[in-house]
Protein backbone atom coordinates (compact mmCIF):
# COMPACT_ATOMS: atom_id res chain seq x y z
CA UNK A 1 -1.51 34.86 15.76
CA UNK A 2 0.49 33.60 13.40
CA UNK A 3 3.93 36.22 14.15
CA UNK A 4 3.39 34.95 18.29
CA UNK A 5 4.67 32.12 16.94
CA UNK A 6 8.29 30.17 17.04
CA UNK A 7 10.25 30.96 12.64
CA UNK A 8 10.32 26.58 13.15
CA UNK A 9 7.71 25.69 14.93
CA UNK A 10 6.02 27.77 11.36
CA UNK A 11 7.91 26.49 9.06
CA UNK A 12 7.05 22.81 10.67
CA UNK A 13 3.44 23.85 10.31
CA UNK A 14 3.92 25.03 6.84
CA UNK A 15 5.56 21.81 5.80
CA UNK A 16 2.97 19.62 6.95
CA UNK A 17 0.28 21.37 5.39
CA UNK A 18 1.36 21.51 1.75
CA UNK A 19 2.79 17.80 2.40
CA UNK A 20 -0.94 17.54 3.06
CA UNK A 21 -1.78 19.22 -0.49
CA UNK A 22 0.29 17.36 -1.89
CA UNK A 23 -0.78 13.96 -0.73
CA UNK A 24 -4.34 15.29 -1.58
CA UNK A 25 -3.74 16.65 -4.89
CA UNK A 26 -1.31 13.51 -5.61
CA UNK A 27 -4.64 11.57 -6.87
CA UNK A 28 -5.41 14.27 -10.02
CA UNK A 29 -1.58 14.77 -10.73
CA UNK A 30 -1.33 11.27 -11.88
CA UNK A 31 -4.09 11.11 -13.61
CA UNK A 32 -3.34 13.91 -15.56
CA UNK A 33 0.91 12.63 -16.41
CA UNK A 34 -0.61 9.17 -17.52
CA UNK A 35 -3.51 10.89 -19.84
CA UNK A 36 -0.54 13.05 -21.21
CA UNK A 37 1.75 10.06 -21.51
CA UNK A 38 -0.88 7.60 -23.21
CA UNK A 39 -1.51 11.03 -25.01
CA UNK A 40 1.99 11.51 -26.70
CA UNK A 41 2.62 7.45 -27.21
CA UNK A 42 -0.36 7.54 -29.12
CA UNK A 43 1.38 10.25 -31.33
CA UNK A 44 3.94 8.48 -31.28
CA UNK A 45 2.39 5.58 -32.79
CA UNK A 46 0.77 7.66 -35.60
CA UNK A 47 3.49 9.40 -36.67
CA UNK A 48 5.46 5.85 -37.01
CA UNK A 49 2.88 4.33 -39.21
CA UNK A 50 2.49 7.31 -41.11
CA UNK A 51 6.10 6.87 -41.53
CA UNK A 52 6.48 3.14 -42.31
CA UNK A 53 3.30 3.61 -44.60
CA UNK A 54 5.27 6.63 -46.58
CA UNK A 55 7.60 3.61 -47.55
């Protein structure tokens, strides 16, 4: 069925599907990025506190 479709139409369908997939997973990706950045900020804060306590 797919090889019956013309090439531009197939590209259009694949891009639409990938856009829908990205929109569906955007919420989960956002949560992952937020949690990782929060962990990084906490780590840097602890690092700064440790350095200030040493000196």
